[in-house]
Amino acid sequence: MADMNVDQIDREILPFLSCSARGDVKTIALQYFLGLSGSKDGCDFVASYNKYLSALVSLTKDGDQSVTKDAYLSLVNLSTYEQTAMKILDLHQEVPLDLLKYVLDKESKHTGIVCMLLSNLSRSEQCSRRIFDSILANVDVIGFDKLVDAFCVNQTATLNYLGPFFSNLTQIRDARHYLLDKKNRIMQRLLPFIQYEASLIRRGGIIGAIRNCCFESSYHDWLLSDDVDILPRLLLPLAGPEEFDEEDTTKLPVDLQYLEADKKREADPDVRKMLLESINQLCSSKSGRKYIRDKNAYVILRELHSGEKDPAVLLTAENLISVLISDEPAPGMEDLTKVEIPEEIEEKLRKAHEAQQREVEEETEKLEAEKLEAEKLEAQKLEVQKLEAQKQQNLT
């Protein structure tokens, strides 16, 4: 936090957070607020006063690109916090429209930063709803199809954060239905980004959006059909270089047969977990489970599980494998999304899940501690080697 009080800031700095202020003093004033937004206490302070948030929003329209950049960066920092994100949207209802128009403008200079801001602003379901409503209300200007077109055509780093933005929006059922519209074929356009190696942000964001869409069970048969063929896309990043016997191999989808000896699995554990969660959702119907079993997904998941180190991914894989190898539910209970669970059973399941999560968290903390200790020992080892080398050099 700053060593100034509110009265001082209002008197000495706030007047210069204006597009009409002189350039040099405006830059100094903005740098002050950018510095404040770099800490939790500073963000809380700025967010406590509507006048500061409004001033920063106004400077995103400044004619000086260095000023607009710092204004956007300040808002990126502030919107990290959900309450502040909602406050920005409450104060300035035009913000979603302005930001999305900016992203779609090929002449914009700070598209990457604005995409980060959109990603932050849309994290909560309430904020996502507000932004998606703005998209629907201005479909001719900033329609979802235009955003997807820009994302798919422009594969530079500037639009990578549209991936998490799409993932956030698919918290909203209407957004999921838009991505799943069979006529638009947007899902088919997004699937290749599951394997997008150039950016974890873009790849992870799209996989998150796909995972959310898999909660729409009425679309499962279509997603698994030849029209979309989603299963090989989800399984391929989870597959390693393992060889299977001829019988197992021929049961696999063609894209997963006879993989290269140097085939690598998805490196990021959060992404692996989302891929598994997507397949798990597709198993909620009897037809989905049968299809996934028939495509021999089990052997891919078995090999993934045998070498998995991340506790959260391991638990997710175990849950999915359990569904695939278990007997089918009794007649009338085949659709797992519609099964009514007695309250006492639901409570037991909730407690069991919480216990599992605690175990996962404890195991993750243990692994992190072991990793830090190993890094510390390695650093000490390198330091000793360095000292020995200097000692030998001095002797010679």
Protein backbone atom coordinates (compact mmCIF):
# COMPACT_ATOMS: atom_id res chain seq x y z
CA MET A 1 0.00 0.00 0.00
CA ALA A 2 1.04 3.55 -0.57
CA ASP A 3 2.16 5.99 2.09
CA MET A 4 -0.51 8.48 0.93
CA ASN A 5 -4.01 8.77 2.34
CA VAL A 6 -7.13 8.98 0.21
CA ASP A 7 -7.33 12.77 0.44
CA GLN A 8 -3.77 13.12 -0.83
CA ILE A 9 -4.38 10.70 -3.69
CA ASP A 10 -7.59 12.49 -4.63
CA ARG A 11 -5.81 15.83 -4.58
CA GLU A 12 -2.41 14.97 -6.05
CA ILE A 13 -2.96 11.96 -8.33
CA LEU A 14 -6.60 11.34 -9.27
CA PRO A 15 -6.98 14.55 -11.35
CA PHE A 16 -4.27 13.24 -13.68
CA LEU A 17 -6.02 9.89 -14.28
CA SER A 18 -7.86 11.50 -17.15
CA CYS A 19 -7.49 11.38 -20.91
CA SER A 20 -7.36 15.19 -20.91
CA ALA A 21 -4.43 15.37 -18.46
CA ARG A 22 -0.91 16.23 -19.60
CA GLY A 23 0.92 13.15 -20.84
CA ASP A 24 3.90 13.11 -18.48
CA VAL A 25 1.92 13.57 -15.25
CA LYS A 26 -0.75 11.17 -16.47
CA THR A 27 1.91 8.50 -16.94
CA ILE A 28 3.26 9.08 -13.41
CA ALA A 29 -0.23 8.90 -11.91
CA LEU A 30 -1.02 5.71 -13.80
CA GLN A 31 2.28 4.11 -12.78
CA TYR A 32 1.33 4.77 -9.17
CA PHE A 33 -1.93 2.86 -9.55
CA LEU A 34 -0.30 0.10 -11.57
CA GLY A 35 2.10 -0.35 -8.66
CA LEU A 36 -0.79 -0.49 -6.20
CA SER A 37 -2.52 -3.18 -8.25
CA GLY A 38 0.51 -5.43 -7.91
CA SER A 39 -0.41 -6.47 -4.35
CA LYS A 40 -3.54 -7.81 -2.66
CA ASP A 41 -3.68 -4.89 -0.23
CA GLY A 42 -3.25 -2.43 -3.07
CA CYS A 43 -6.00 -4.07 -5.11
CA ASP A 44 -8.34 -4.01 -2.14
CA PHE A 45 -7.62 -0.32 -1.65
CA VAL A 46 -8.23 0.64 -5.28
CA ALA A 47 -11.38 -1.50 -5.49
CA SER A 48 -12.80 0.27 -2.44
CA TYR A 49 -13.30 3.46 -4.44
CA ASN A 50 -15.42 3.53 -7.58
CA LYS A 51 -13.71 6.73 -8.70
CA TYR A 52 -10.37 4.93 -9.06
CA LEU A 53 -11.82 2.00 -11.00
CA SER A 54 -13.73 4.35 -13.28
CA ALA A 55 -10.64 6.46 -13.92
CA LEU A 56 -8.64 3.38 -14.92
CA VAL A 57 -11.42 2.19 -17.25
CA SER A 58 -11.56 5.64 -18.87
CA LEU A 59 -7.82 5.56 -19.60
CA THR A 60 -8.24 2.45 -21.77
CA LYS A 61 -9.58 4.93 -24.37
CA ASP A 62 -6.54 7.23 -24.16
CA GLY A 63 -4.75 8.18 -27.37
CA ASP A 64 -1.33 7.28 -25.95
CA GLN A 65 -0.75 3.54 -26.38
CA SER A 66 1.62 3.36 -23.41
CA VAL A 67 -1.14 4.81 -21.23
CA THR A 68 -3.79 2.39 -22.49
CA LYS A 69 -1.39 -0.51 -21.95
CA ASP A 70 -0.78 0.40 -18.30
CA ALA A 71 -4.50 0.99 -17.75
CA TYR A 72 -5.30 -2.46 -19.12
CA LEU A 73 -2.52 -4.03 -17.03
CA SER A 74 -3.89 -2.38 -13.90
CA LEU A 75 -7.34 -3.78 -14.65
CA VAL A 76 -5.88 -7.23 -15.29
CA ASN A 77 -4.36 -7.19 -11.81
CA LEU A 78 -7.51 -5.85 -10.18
CA SER A 79 -9.84 -8.32 -11.93
CA THR A 80 -7.92 -11.23 -10.45
CA TYR A 81 -10.33 -10.88 -7.53
CA GLU A 82 -13.92 -11.93 -8.21
CA GLN A 83 -15.61 -9.14 -6.26
CA THR A 84 -13.58 -6.50 -8.08
CA ALA A 85 -14.32 -8.10 -11.45
CA MET A 86 -18.04 -7.90 -10.74
CA LYS A 87 -17.67 -4.33 -9.52
CA ILE A 88 -15.99 -3.31 -12.79
CA LEU A 89 -18.84 -4.88 -14.77
CA ASP A 90 -21.43 -3.23 -12.52
CA LEU A 91 -19.86 0.22 -12.86
CA HIS A 92 -19.30 0.02 -16.60
CA GLN A 93 -21.78 -2.21 -18.39
CA GLU A 94 -20.17 -1.31 -21.70
CA VAL A 95 -16.86 -2.94 -20.75
CA PRO A 96 -17.54 -6.43 -22.24
CA LEU A 97 -18.64 -4.95 -25.57
CA ASP A 98 -15.68 -2.57 -25.69
CA LEU A 99 -13.15 -5.28 -24.84
CA LEU A 100 -14.52 -7.79 -27.34
CA LYS A 101 -14.64 -5.18 -30.11
CA TYR A 102 -11.03 -4.36 -29.27
CA VAL A 103 -10.00 -8.01 -29.56
CA LEU A 104 -11.68 -8.36 -32.95
CA ASP A 105 -10.02 -5.21 -34.30
CA LYS A 106 -6.89 -6.31 -36.18
CA GLU A 107 -5.32 -2.88 -35.60
CA SER A 108 -5.44 -3.16 -31.79
CA LYS A 109 -2.03 -2.95 -30.11
CA HIS A 110 -2.67 -4.71 -26.79
CA THR A 111 -4.90 -7.62 -27.78
CA GLY A 112 -2.99 -10.12 -25.63
CA ILE A 113 -3.46 -8.05 -22.47
CA VAL A 114 -7.15 -7.48 -23.21
CA CYS A 115 -7.67 -11.23 -23.69
CA MET A 116 -6.10 -11.73 -20.25
CA LEU A 117 -8.52 -9.16 -18.86
CA LEU A 118 -11.49 -10.96 -20.44
CA SER A 119 -10.26 -14.23 -18.95
CA ASN A 120 -10.06 -12.69 -15.47
CA LEU A 121 -13.40 -10.91 -15.71
CA SER A 122 -15.21 -14.11 -16.73
CA ARG A 123 -13.95 -16.45 -14.01
CA SER A 124 -17.10 -16.50 -11.91
CA GLU A 125 -20.38 -17.84 -13.24
CA GLN A 126 -22.12 -14.55 -12.46
CA CYS A 127 -19.57 -12.52 -14.44
CA SER A 128 -19.62 -15.05 -17.28
CA ARG A 129 -23.39 -14.69 -17.49
CA ARG A 130 -23.04 -10.90 -17.72
CA ILE A 131 -20.45 -11.10 -20.49
CA PHE A 132 -22.29 -13.77 -22.47
CA ASP A 133 -25.47 -11.71 -22.33
CA SER A 134 -23.49 -8.82 -23.80
CA ILE A 135 -22.33 -11.09 -26.63
CA LEU A 136 -25.91 -12.18 -27.35
CA ALA A 137 -27.14 -8.58 -27.29
CA ASN A 138 -24.51 -7.50 -29.82
CA VAL A 139 -24.29 -10.61 -31.99
CA ASP A 140 -23.81 -8.61 -35.21
CA VAL A 141 -20.75 -6.88 -33.77
CA ILE A 142 -19.13 -9.39 -31.40
CA GLY A 143 -20.93 -12.67 -32.06
CA PHE A 144 -19.45 -15.85 -30.63
CA ASP A 145 -18.82 -17.04 -34.19
CA LYS A 146 -16.61 -14.00 -34.82
CA LEU A 147 -14.57 -14.72 -31.69
CA VAL A 148 -14.12 -18.37 -32.67
CA ASP A 149 -13.13 -17.32 -36.21
CA ALA A 150 -10.49 -14.96 -34.83
CA PHE A 151 -9.22 -17.60 -32.40
CA CYS A 152 -8.91 -20.30 -35.05
CA VAL A 153 -7.43 -18.10 -37.78
CA ASN A 154 -5.05 -16.03 -35.64
CA GLN A 155 -2.89 -18.55 -33.80
CA THR A 156 -0.38 -16.03 -32.49
CA ALA A 157 0.16 -15.58 -28.77
CA THR A 158 -2.06 -12.48 -28.69
CA LEU A 159 -5.26 -14.54 -28.65
CA ASN A 160 -4.13 -17.44 -26.47
CA TYR A 161 -6.14 -16.19 -23.49
CA LEU A 162 -9.35 -16.52 -25.47
CA GLY A 163 -8.95 -20.22 -24.65
CA PRO A 164 -9.50 -19.74 -20.89
CA PHE A 165 -12.14 -17.12 -21.74
CA PHE A 166 -14.12 -19.71 -23.72
CA SER A 167 -13.65 -22.19 -20.87
CA ASN A 168 -15.04 -19.66 -18.40
CA LEU A 169 -18.02 -18.83 -20.61
CA THR A 170 -18.97 -22.50 -20.86
CA GLN A 171 -19.92 -22.38 -17.20
CA ILE A 172 -23.10 -21.00 -18.77
CA ARG A 173 -25.41 -23.53 -20.37
CA ASP A 174 -26.31 -21.21 -23.25
CA ALA A 175 -22.61 -20.91 -24.12
CA ARG A 176 -22.21 -24.68 -24.02
CA HIS A 177 -25.17 -25.09 -26.34
CA TYR A 178 -23.68 -22.59 -28.75
CA LEU A 179 -20.40 -24.50 -28.96
CA LEU A 180 -22.39 -27.72 -29.37
CA ASP A 181 -24.64 -26.41 -32.14
CA LYS A 182 -24.46 -29.08 -34.83
CA LYS A 183 -24.94 -26.63 -37.69
CA ASN A 184 -22.19 -24.23 -36.63
CA ARG A 185 -19.60 -27.04 -36.36
CA ILE A 186 -17.67 -24.98 -33.81
CA MET A 187 -16.81 -28.05 -31.74
CA GLN A 188 -15.09 -29.62 -34.75
CA ARG A 189 -13.05 -26.43 -35.22
CA LEU A 190 -11.91 -26.38 -31.60
CA LEU A 191 -10.93 -30.05 -31.26
CA PRO A 192 -7.52 -29.68 -32.99
CA PHE A 193 -6.41 -27.34 -30.20
CA ILE A 194 -6.39 -30.32 -27.82
CA GLN A 195 -3.00 -31.08 -29.38
CA TYR A 196 -1.83 -27.45 -29.69
CA GLU A 197 1.75 -27.66 -28.44
CA ALA A 198 2.67 -24.00 -28.95
CA SER A 199 0.66 -22.76 -25.95
CA LEU A 200 -0.49 -24.48 -22.75
CA ILE A 201 -2.82 -21.51 -22.12
CA ARG A 202 -4.65 -22.00 -25.43
CA ARG A 203 -4.62 -25.80 -25.21
CA GLY A 204 -5.75 -25.95 -21.59
CA GLY A 205 -8.46 -23.35 -22.14
CA ILE A 206 -10.04 -25.22 -25.03
CA ILE A 207 -9.85 -28.55 -23.21
CA GLY A 208 -11.58 -26.86 -20.27
CA ALA A 209 -14.34 -25.65 -22.59
CA ILE A 210 -14.71 -29.13 -24.12
CA ARG A 211 -14.82 -30.69 -20.65
CA ASN A 212 -17.63 -28.31 -19.67
CA CYS A 213 -19.54 -29.13 -22.87
CA CYS A 214 -19.33 -32.84 -22.02
CA PHE A 215 -21.69 -32.16 -19.10
CA GLU A 216 -24.48 -31.80 -21.69
CA SER A 217 -25.48 -35.47 -21.80
CA SER A 218 -28.04 -34.99 -24.58
CA TYR A 219 -25.14 -34.31 -26.97
CA HIS A 220 -23.03 -37.35 -26.01
CA ASP A 221 -24.13 -39.60 -28.87
CA TRP A 222 -23.35 -36.83 -31.36
CA LEU A 223 -19.96 -36.10 -29.78
CA LEU A 224 -19.02 -39.78 -30.01
CA SER A 225 -20.38 -40.16 -33.55
CA ASP A 226 -18.26 -40.00 -36.69
CA ASP A 227 -19.45 -36.42 -37.21
CA VAL A 228 -17.33 -35.24 -34.26
CA ASP A 229 -15.36 -38.35 -33.21
CA ILE A 230 -14.29 -36.80 -29.93
CA LEU A 231 -13.01 -39.94 -28.18
CA PRO A 232 -9.72 -40.34 -30.11
CA ARG A 233 -9.04 -36.62 -29.62
CA LEU A 234 -9.40 -36.99 -25.86
CA LEU A 235 -7.47 -40.25 -25.60
CA LEU A 236 -4.50 -39.40 -27.81
CA PRO A 237 -2.85 -36.94 -25.36
CA LEU A 238 -3.25 -39.56 -22.62
CA ALA A 239 -1.53 -42.27 -24.65
CA GLY A 240 2.15 -43.09 -24.36
CA PRO A 241 4.49 -45.20 -26.52
CA GLU A 242 3.30 -48.53 -25.11
CA GLU A 243 2.75 -51.39 -27.53
CA PHE A 244 -0.30 -53.63 -27.24
CA ASP A 245 -0.99 -57.07 -28.64
CA GLU A 246 -2.78 -57.34 -31.96
CA GLU A 247 -6.20 -57.95 -30.41
CA ASP A 248 -6.07 -54.88 -28.17
CA THR A 249 -4.56 -52.73 -30.91
CA THR A 250 -7.24 -53.47 -33.49
CA LYS A 251 -9.98 -52.54 -31.01
CA LEU A 252 -8.52 -49.06 -30.51
CA PRO A 253 -9.59 -46.09 -32.64
CA VAL A 254 -7.39 -45.91 -35.75
CA ASP A 255 -5.64 -42.75 -34.54
CA LEU A 256 -4.39 -44.62 -31.47
CA GLN A 257 -3.06 -47.70 -33.22
CA TYR A 258 0.68 -48.21 -33.69
CA LEU A 259 1.83 -44.93 -32.15
CA GLU A 260 5.43 -43.80 -32.50
CA ALA A 261 8.01 -45.17 -30.06
CA ASP A 262 8.72 -41.62 -28.84
CA LYS A 263 5.04 -40.71 -28.28
CA LYS A 264 4.73 -38.44 -25.25
CA ARG A 265 1.74 -38.00 -22.96
CA GLU A 266 0.30 -34.59 -22.15
CA ALA A 267 2.85 -33.01 -19.80
CA ASP A 268 0.51 -30.83 -17.74
CA PRO A 269 -1.34 -32.67 -14.94
CA ASP A 270 -4.28 -30.23 -14.90
CA VAL A 271 -4.83 -30.85 -18.61
CA ARG A 272 -4.58 -34.63 -18.16
CA LYS A 273 -7.18 -34.38 -15.41
CA MET A 274 -9.58 -32.37 -17.60
CA LEU A 275 -9.22 -34.90 -20.42
CA LEU A 276 -10.09 -37.73 -18.03
CA GLU A 277 -13.02 -35.75 -16.64
CA SER A 278 -14.32 -35.24 -20.18
CA ILE A 279 -14.27 -38.98 -20.88
CA ASN A 280 -15.85 -39.64 -17.50
CA GLN A 281 -18.77 -37.38 -18.37
CA LEU A 282 -19.21 -39.23 -21.67
CA CYS A 283 -19.59 -42.40 -19.58
CA SER A 284 -22.72 -41.09 -17.86
CA SER A 285 -25.00 -42.83 -20.38
CA LYS A 286 -25.20 -46.54 -21.16
CA SER A 287 -24.51 -45.95 -24.85
CA GLY A 288 -21.48 -43.81 -24.00
CA ARG A 289 -20.01 -46.42 -21.68
CA LYS A 290 -20.55 -49.16 -24.26
CA TYR A 291 -18.93 -47.13 -27.03
CA ILE A 292 -15.91 -46.23 -24.90
CA ARG A 293 -15.50 -49.84 -23.76
CA ASP A 294 -15.81 -51.10 -27.34
CA LYS A 295 -13.07 -48.68 -28.43
CA ASN A 296 -10.80 -50.28 -25.80
CA ALA A 297 -10.12 -47.00 -24.01
CA TYR A 298 -9.38 -49.06 -20.91
CA VAL A 299 -5.91 -50.14 -22.12
CA ILE A 300 -4.87 -46.51 -22.68
CA LEU A 301 -6.17 -45.53 -19.25
CA ARG A 302 -4.54 -48.54 -17.62
CA GLU A 303 -1.10 -47.56 -18.93
CA LEU A 304 -1.65 -43.94 -17.98
CA HIS A 305 -2.60 -44.99 -14.45
CA SER A 306 0.40 -47.27 -14.05
CA GLY A 307 2.85 -44.42 -14.60
CA GLU A 308 0.89 -41.46 -13.21
CA LYS A 309 2.56 -39.51 -10.39
CA ASP A 310 0.10 -36.69 -9.78
CA PRO A 311 -2.36 -37.63 -7.00
CA ALA A 312 -5.32 -35.70 -8.42
CA VAL A 313 -4.89 -37.19 -11.89
CA LEU A 314 -4.43 -40.64 -10.37
CA LEU A 315 -7.72 -40.37 -8.47
CA THR A 316 -9.57 -39.14 -11.56
CA ALA A 317 -8.15 -42.01 -13.63
CA GLU A 318 -9.17 -44.53 -10.97
CA ASN A 319 -12.72 -43.18 -10.91
CA LEU A 320 -12.99 -43.43 -14.70
CA ILE A 321 -11.50 -46.93 -14.85
CA SER A 322 -13.91 -48.01 -12.11
CA VAL A 323 -16.86 -46.89 -14.23
CA LEU A 324 -15.58 -48.79 -17.26
CA ILE A 325 -14.85 -52.08 -15.51
CA SER A 326 -17.93 -52.12 -13.26
CA ASP A 327 -21.12 -54.00 -14.02
CA GLU A 328 -23.87 -51.99 -15.66
CA PRO A 329 -26.41 -50.34 -13.30
CA ALA A 330 -29.84 -51.89 -12.84
CA PRO A 331 -32.52 -51.19 -15.48
CA GLY A 332 -33.86 -47.67 -15.15
CA MET A 333 -30.62 -46.36 -13.66
CA GLU A 334 -28.42 -46.48 -16.76
CA ASP A 335 -28.24 -42.68 -17.12
CA LEU A 336 -25.99 -41.70 -14.23
CA THR A 337 -26.96 -38.03 -14.51
CA LYS A 338 -30.59 -38.85 -13.67
CA VAL A 339 -30.09 -41.29 -10.81
CA GLU A 340 -31.67 -40.03 -7.59
CA ILE A 341 -29.40 -40.72 -4.64
CA PRO A 342 -30.94 -41.02 -1.15
CA GLU A 343 -29.93 -38.17 1.12
CA GLU A 344 -28.05 -40.36 3.62
CA ILE A 345 -26.11 -42.07 0.82
CA GLU A 346 -25.32 -38.71 -0.76
CA GLU A 347 -23.94 -37.49 2.57
CA LYS A 348 -21.73 -40.58 2.88
CA LEU A 349 -20.48 -40.09 -0.67
CA ARG A 350 -19.78 -36.43 0.03
CA LYS A 351 -17.74 -37.29 3.11
CA ALA A 352 -15.87 -40.00 1.23
CA HIS A 353 -15.11 -37.56 -1.58
CA GLU A 354 -13.87 -34.95 0.90
CA ALA A 355 -11.63 -37.56 2.52
CA GLN A 356 -10.24 -38.49 -0.89
CA GLN A 357 -9.60 -34.84 -1.68
CA ARG A 358 -7.76 -34.37 1.61
CA GLU A 359 -5.59 -37.38 0.82
CA VAL A 360 -4.85 -35.95 -2.62
CA GLU A 361 -3.96 -32.56 -1.16
CA GLU A 362 -1.72 -34.12 1.48
CA GLU A 363 0.03 -36.28 -1.11
CA THR A 364 0.45 -33.28 -3.41
CA GLU A 365 1.96 -31.22 -0.58
CA LYS A 366 4.30 -34.10 0.24
CA LEU A 367 5.45 -34.35 -3.37
CA GLU A 368 5.97 -30.59 -3.55
CA ALA A 369 8.04 -30.68 -0.36
CA GLU A 370 10.13 -33.55 -1.73
CA LYS A 371 10.63 -31.65 -4.97
CA LEU A 372 11.75 -28.50 -3.14
CA GLU A 373 14.13 -30.54 -0.98
CA ALA A 374 15.59 -32.21 -4.07
CA GLU A 375 16.05 -28.83 -5.74
CA LYS A 376 17.72 -27.50 -2.59
CA LEU A 377 20.11 -30.45 -2.45
CA GLU A 378 20.90 -30.06 -6.14
CA ALA A 379 21.63 -26.36 -5.63
CA GLN A 380 23.92 -27.19 -2.72
CA LYS A 381 25.66 -29.81 -4.82
CA LEU A 382 26.25 -27.32 -7.62
CA GLU A 383 27.55 -24.77 -5.12
CA VAL A 384 30.04 -27.31 -3.73
CA GLN A 385 31.17 -28.16 -7.25
CA LYS A 386 31.60 -24.48 -7.99
CA LEU A 387 33.69 -23.96 -4.84
CA GLU A 388 35.82 -27.00 -5.66
CA ALA A 389 36.41 -25.69 -9.16
CA GLN A 390 37.46 -22.30 -7.79
CA LYS A 391 39.74 -24.03 -5.30
CA GLN A 392 41.43 -26.03 -8.05
CA GLN A 393 41.78 -22.91 -10.15
CA ASN A 394 43.48 -21.09 -7.27
CA LEU A 395 45.91 -23.99 -6.76
CA THR A 396 46.98 -23.88 -10.38
